[in-house]
Amino acid sequence: MKIFISQRMRNLTKEQILERRSKIIEYLETQFSDFEVIDSILDPSDSKNPLWYLGKSIELLSEADLAVFDSDWYNSRGCLVEFKCCNLYGIKMLFI
């Protein structure tokens, strides 16, 4: 099973993002025995437009069997769009 993690990234350091992602993966390990996390952390040093990053994120989301939404997903524009995509395209969701 391929899992996409939707989490807030704006105004966070890469270390903060990875730390939270690690905790999410630890939780997933208690719930699922066989899964792969899609690497959706994009390098912000490219200095692309935020919409470009969202487009890449949706591209990666299209490969997912399950999207996992972090606890404060609703405070992120990108996560809100990913949520809408999951609803419209039938990707299963888990909220933690």
N, C-alpha and C. Protein backbone atom coordinates (compact mmCIF):
# COMPACT_ATOMS: atom_id res chain seq x y z
N MET A 1 0.85 -1.17 0.00
CA MET A 1 0.00 0.00 0.00
C MET A 1 0.90 1.24 0.00
N LYS A 2 0.55 2.20 -0.86
CA LYS A 2 1.29 3.46 -0.92
C LYS A 2 0.52 4.53 -0.14
N ILE A 3 1.24 5.20 0.75
CA ILE A 3 0.62 6.21 1.61
C ILE A 3 1.23 7.58 1.33
N PHE A 4 0.35 8.55 1.14
CA PHE A 4 0.74 9.94 0.97
C PHE A 4 0.44 10.66 2.28
N ILE A 5 1.42 11.40 2.79
CA ILE A 5 1.22 12.16 4.02
C ILE A 5 0.98 13.62 3.68
N SER A 6 -0.15 14.13 4.11
CA SER A 6 -0.50 15.53 3.90
C SER A 6 -0.25 16.26 5.21
N GLN A 7 0.71 17.16 5.18
CA GLN A 7 1.05 17.89 6.39
C GLN A 7 1.43 19.32 6.05
N ARG A 8 1.21 20.20 6.99
CA ARG A 8 1.57 21.61 6.81
C ARG A 8 3.08 21.73 6.72
N MET A 9 3.55 22.54 5.77
CA MET A 9 4.99 22.74 5.60
C MET A 9 5.38 24.21 5.60
N ARG A 10 4.43 25.06 5.31
CA ARG A 10 4.73 26.49 5.21
C ARG A 10 5.24 27.03 6.55
N ASN A 11 6.30 27.81 6.49
CA ASN A 11 6.94 28.44 7.65
C ASN A 11 7.56 27.45 8.63
N LEU A 12 7.80 26.22 8.18
CA LEU A 12 8.47 25.23 9.01
C LEU A 12 9.82 24.90 8.38
N THR A 13 10.79 24.55 9.21
CA THR A 13 12.08 24.13 8.69
C THR A 13 11.97 22.69 8.19
N LYS A 14 12.91 22.30 7.38
CA LYS A 14 12.92 20.92 6.90
C LYS A 14 13.02 19.96 8.07
N GLU A 15 13.79 20.33 9.09
CA GLU A 15 13.94 19.48 10.27
C GLU A 15 12.60 19.31 11.00
N GLN A 16 11.83 20.39 11.13
CA GLN A 16 10.52 20.31 11.78
C GLN A 16 9.57 19.43 10.98
N ILE A 17 9.61 19.57 9.68
CA ILE A 17 8.75 18.76 8.81
C ILE A 17 9.11 17.29 8.94
N LEU A 18 10.39 16.99 8.89
CA LEU A 18 10.84 15.59 8.99
C LEU A 18 10.56 15.00 10.36
N GLU A 19 10.69 15.81 11.41
CA GLU A 19 10.40 15.32 12.76
C GLU A 19 8.92 14.92 12.90
N ARG A 20 8.05 15.77 12.40
CA ARG A 20 6.62 15.45 12.47
C ARG A 20 6.28 14.25 11.60
N ARG A 21 6.87 14.21 10.41
CA ARG A 21 6.64 13.08 9.51
C ARG A 21 7.08 11.77 10.14
N SER A 22 8.20 11.80 10.85
CA SER A 22 8.69 10.61 11.53
C SER A 22 7.68 10.10 12.55
N LYS A 23 7.07 11.02 13.29
CA LYS A 23 6.05 10.63 14.28
C LYS A 23 4.81 10.04 13.59
N ILE A 24 4.46 10.59 12.45
CA ILE A 24 3.31 10.06 11.70
C ILE A 24 3.62 8.65 11.23
N ILE A 25 4.83 8.44 10.73
CA ILE A 25 5.22 7.11 10.26
C ILE A 25 5.25 6.11 11.41
N GLU A 26 5.72 6.53 12.57
CA GLU A 26 5.70 5.65 13.75
C GLU A 26 4.27 5.21 14.06
N TYR A 27 3.33 6.15 13.97
CA TYR A 27 1.93 5.81 14.19
C TYR A 27 1.45 4.82 13.14
N LEU A 28 1.78 5.08 11.89
CA LEU A 28 1.33 4.20 10.80
C LEU A 28 1.86 2.78 10.98
N GLU A 29 3.06 2.65 11.53
CA GLU A 29 3.64 1.33 11.76
C GLU A 29 2.83 0.52 12.78
N THR A 30 2.10 1.20 13.64
CA THR A 30 1.23 0.49 14.60
C THR A 30 -0.10 0.09 13.97
N GLN A 31 -0.41 0.66 12.83
CA GLN A 31 -1.70 0.41 12.18
C GLN A 31 -1.61 -0.51 10.96
N PHE A 32 -0.49 -0.49 10.28
CA PHE A 32 -0.33 -1.24 9.03
C PHE A 32 0.96 -2.04 9.06
N SER A 33 0.93 -3.23 8.47
CA SER A 33 2.13 -4.06 8.47
C SER A 33 2.97 -3.87 7.21
N ASP A 34 2.33 -3.53 6.11
CA ASP A 34 3.07 -3.42 4.86
C ASP A 34 2.64 -2.16 4.11
N PHE A 35 3.52 -1.15 4.11
CA PHE A 35 3.19 0.09 3.41
C PHE A 35 4.46 0.81 3.00
N GLU A 36 4.28 1.71 2.06
CA GLU A 36 5.37 2.55 1.57
C GLU A 36 4.89 3.99 1.63
N VAL A 37 5.69 4.86 2.21
CA VAL A 37 5.35 6.29 2.26
C VAL A 37 5.92 6.96 1.01
N ILE A 38 5.06 7.65 0.31
CA ILE A 38 5.48 8.39 -0.87
C ILE A 38 6.29 9.60 -0.42
N ASP A 39 7.48 9.77 -0.97
CA ASP A 39 8.33 10.89 -0.60
C ASP A 39 7.79 12.16 -1.24
N SER A 40 7.08 12.95 -0.46
CA SER A 40 6.42 14.15 -0.99
C SER A 40 7.04 15.44 -0.45
N ILE A 41 8.22 15.33 0.15
CA ILE A 41 8.90 16.53 0.63
C ILE A 41 9.76 17.05 -0.51
N LEU A 42 9.38 18.21 -1.03
CA LEU A 42 10.08 18.81 -2.16
C LEU A 42 11.09 19.84 -1.66
N ASP A 43 12.16 20.01 -2.39
CA ASP A 43 13.24 20.89 -1.99
C ASP A 43 12.85 22.35 -2.21
N PRO A 44 12.66 23.11 -1.14
CA PRO A 44 12.25 24.51 -1.30
C PRO A 44 13.37 25.41 -1.83
N SER A 45 14.57 24.90 -1.94
CA SER A 45 15.66 25.73 -2.45
C SER A 45 15.51 26.01 -3.94
N ASP A 46 14.58 25.30 -4.59
CA ASP A 46 14.32 25.54 -6.01
C ASP A 46 13.65 26.90 -6.22
N SER A 47 13.10 27.46 -5.16
CA SER A 47 12.43 28.77 -5.21
C SER A 47 11.34 28.83 -6.27
N LYS A 48 10.56 27.79 -6.35
CA LYS A 48 9.43 27.77 -7.28
C LYS A 48 8.23 28.44 -6.64
N ASN A 49 7.27 28.77 -7.46
CA ASN A 49 6.00 29.32 -7.01
C ASN A 49 5.28 28.27 -6.16
N PRO A 50 4.60 28.66 -5.07
CA PRO A 50 3.90 27.69 -4.23
C PRO A 50 2.91 26.81 -5.02
N LEU A 51 2.33 27.34 -6.06
CA LEU A 51 1.40 26.55 -6.87
C LEU A 51 2.13 25.44 -7.61
N TRP A 52 3.38 25.67 -7.98
CA TRP A 52 4.19 24.63 -8.62
C TRP A 52 4.36 23.45 -7.66
N TYR A 53 4.68 23.77 -6.39
CA TYR A 53 4.84 22.71 -5.39
C TYR A 53 3.53 21.94 -5.18
N LEU A 54 2.41 22.65 -5.17
CA LEU A 54 1.12 22.00 -5.00
C LEU A 54 0.84 21.05 -6.17
N GLY A 55 1.19 21.50 -7.37
CA GLY A 55 1.00 20.64 -8.55
C GLY A 55 1.80 19.35 -8.44
N LYS A 56 3.05 19.47 -8.01
CA LYS A 56 3.88 18.28 -7.81
C LYS A 56 3.31 17.38 -6.72
N SER A 57 2.80 18.01 -5.67
CA SER A 57 2.20 17.26 -4.58
C SER A 57 0.99 16.46 -5.07
N ILE A 58 0.16 17.06 -5.87
CA ILE A 58 -1.02 16.37 -6.40
C ILE A 58 -0.59 15.23 -7.32
N GLU A 59 0.46 15.47 -8.08
CA GLU A 59 0.99 14.40 -8.94
C GLU A 59 1.38 13.19 -8.09
N LEU A 60 2.05 13.43 -6.97
CA LEU A 60 2.44 12.33 -6.08
C LEU A 60 1.22 11.71 -5.40
N LEU A 61 0.26 12.53 -5.03
CA LEU A 61 -0.97 12.04 -4.41
C LEU A 61 -1.70 11.06 -5.32
N SER A 62 -1.58 11.27 -6.63
CA SER A 62 -2.28 10.40 -7.59
C SER A 62 -1.80 8.95 -7.51
N GLU A 63 -0.63 8.71 -6.93
CA GLU A 63 -0.08 7.36 -6.80
C GLU A 63 -0.53 6.67 -5.51
N ALA A 64 -1.22 7.38 -4.63
CA ALA A 64 -1.52 6.88 -3.29
C ALA A 64 -2.75 5.99 -3.24
N ASP A 65 -2.66 4.99 -2.36
CA ASP A 65 -3.83 4.19 -2.02
C ASP A 65 -4.55 4.80 -0.82
N LEU A 66 -3.79 5.56 -0.03
CA LEU A 66 -4.31 6.17 1.19
C LEU A 66 -3.60 7.50 1.41
N ALA A 67 -4.36 8.51 1.78
CA ALA A 67 -3.78 9.80 2.17
C ALA A 67 -3.98 9.98 3.66
N VAL A 68 -2.92 10.29 4.37
CA VAL A 68 -2.97 10.50 5.81
C VAL A 68 -2.81 12.00 6.07
N PHE A 69 -3.77 12.56 6.79
CA PHE A 69 -3.78 13.99 7.07
C PHE A 69 -3.36 14.23 8.52
N ASP A 70 -2.33 15.06 8.67
CA ASP A 70 -1.82 15.42 9.99
C ASP A 70 -2.86 16.24 10.74
N SER A 71 -2.68 16.36 12.03
CA SER A 71 -3.69 16.95 12.91
C SER A 71 -4.09 18.38 12.56
N ASP A 72 -3.19 19.17 11.98
CA ASP A 72 -3.56 20.56 11.67
C ASP A 72 -3.67 20.81 10.17
N TRP A 73 -4.02 19.77 9.42
CA TRP A 73 -4.10 19.85 7.96
C TRP A 73 -5.02 20.97 7.48
N TYR A 74 -6.09 21.24 8.22
CA TYR A 74 -7.10 22.22 7.80
C TYR A 74 -6.59 23.66 7.88
N ASN A 75 -5.38 23.86 8.42
CA ASN A 75 -4.77 25.19 8.47
C ASN A 75 -3.81 25.43 7.31
N SER A 76 -3.79 24.54 6.36
CA SER A 76 -2.87 24.64 5.23
C SER A 76 -3.65 24.65 3.92
N ARG A 77 -3.37 25.64 3.08
CA ARG A 77 -4.04 25.72 1.78
C ARG A 77 -3.77 24.47 0.96
N GLY A 78 -2.51 24.02 0.96
CA GLY A 78 -2.15 22.84 0.18
C GLY A 78 -2.87 21.58 0.66
N CYS A 79 -2.94 21.39 1.96
CA CYS A 79 -3.63 20.23 2.52
C CYS A 79 -5.12 20.27 2.20
N LEU A 80 -5.69 21.47 2.22
CA LEU A 80 -7.11 21.60 1.88
C LEU A 80 -7.37 21.17 0.44
N VAL A 81 -6.48 21.54 -0.45
CA VAL A 81 -6.62 21.14 -1.86
C VAL A 81 -6.42 19.62 -1.98
N GLU A 82 -5.45 19.07 -1.28
CA GLU A 82 -5.23 17.63 -1.31
C GLU A 82 -6.44 16.89 -0.78
N PHE A 83 -7.06 17.40 0.27
CA PHE A 83 -8.28 16.81 0.82
C PHE A 83 -9.38 16.80 -0.24
N LYS A 84 -9.55 17.92 -0.91
CA LYS A 84 -10.58 18.03 -1.95
C LYS A 84 -10.31 17.04 -3.08
N CYS A 85 -9.05 16.91 -3.47
CA CYS A 85 -8.68 15.94 -4.51
C CYS A 85 -9.04 14.51 -4.09
N CYS A 86 -8.74 14.17 -2.85
CA CYS A 86 -9.07 12.83 -2.36
C CYS A 86 -10.57 12.59 -2.43
N ASN A 87 -11.35 13.58 -2.03
CA ASN A 87 -12.81 13.45 -2.10
C ASN A 87 -13.28 13.27 -3.53
N LEU A 88 -12.78 14.07 -4.42
CA LEU A 88 -13.23 14.05 -5.81
C LEU A 88 -12.78 12.80 -6.57
N TYR A 89 -11.61 12.27 -6.21
CA TYR A 89 -11.04 11.16 -6.96
C TYR A 89 -11.03 9.84 -6.20
N GLY A 90 -11.70 9.79 -5.07
CA GLY A 90 -11.91 8.54 -4.36
C GLY A 90 -10.69 7.94 -3.68
N ILE A 91 -9.76 8.78 -3.25
CA ILE A 91 -8.60 8.27 -2.51
C ILE A 91 -8.99 8.18 -1.04
N LYS A 92 -8.78 7.02 -0.46
CA LYS A 92 -9.12 6.84 0.95
C LYS A 92 -8.29 7.77 1.82
N MET A 93 -8.89 8.18 2.93
CA MET A 93 -8.23 9.14 3.82
C MET A 93 -8.23 8.64 5.26
N LEU A 94 -7.19 9.02 5.98
CA LEU A 94 -7.06 8.75 7.41
C LEU A 94 -6.63 10.05 8.06
N PHE A 95 -7.28 10.41 9.15
CA PHE A 95 -6.98 11.66 9.86
C PHE A 95 -6.38 11.34 11.22
N ILE A 96 -5.24 11.96 11.51
CA ILE A 96 -4.62 11.69 12.82
C ILE A 96 -4.40 13.01 13.54
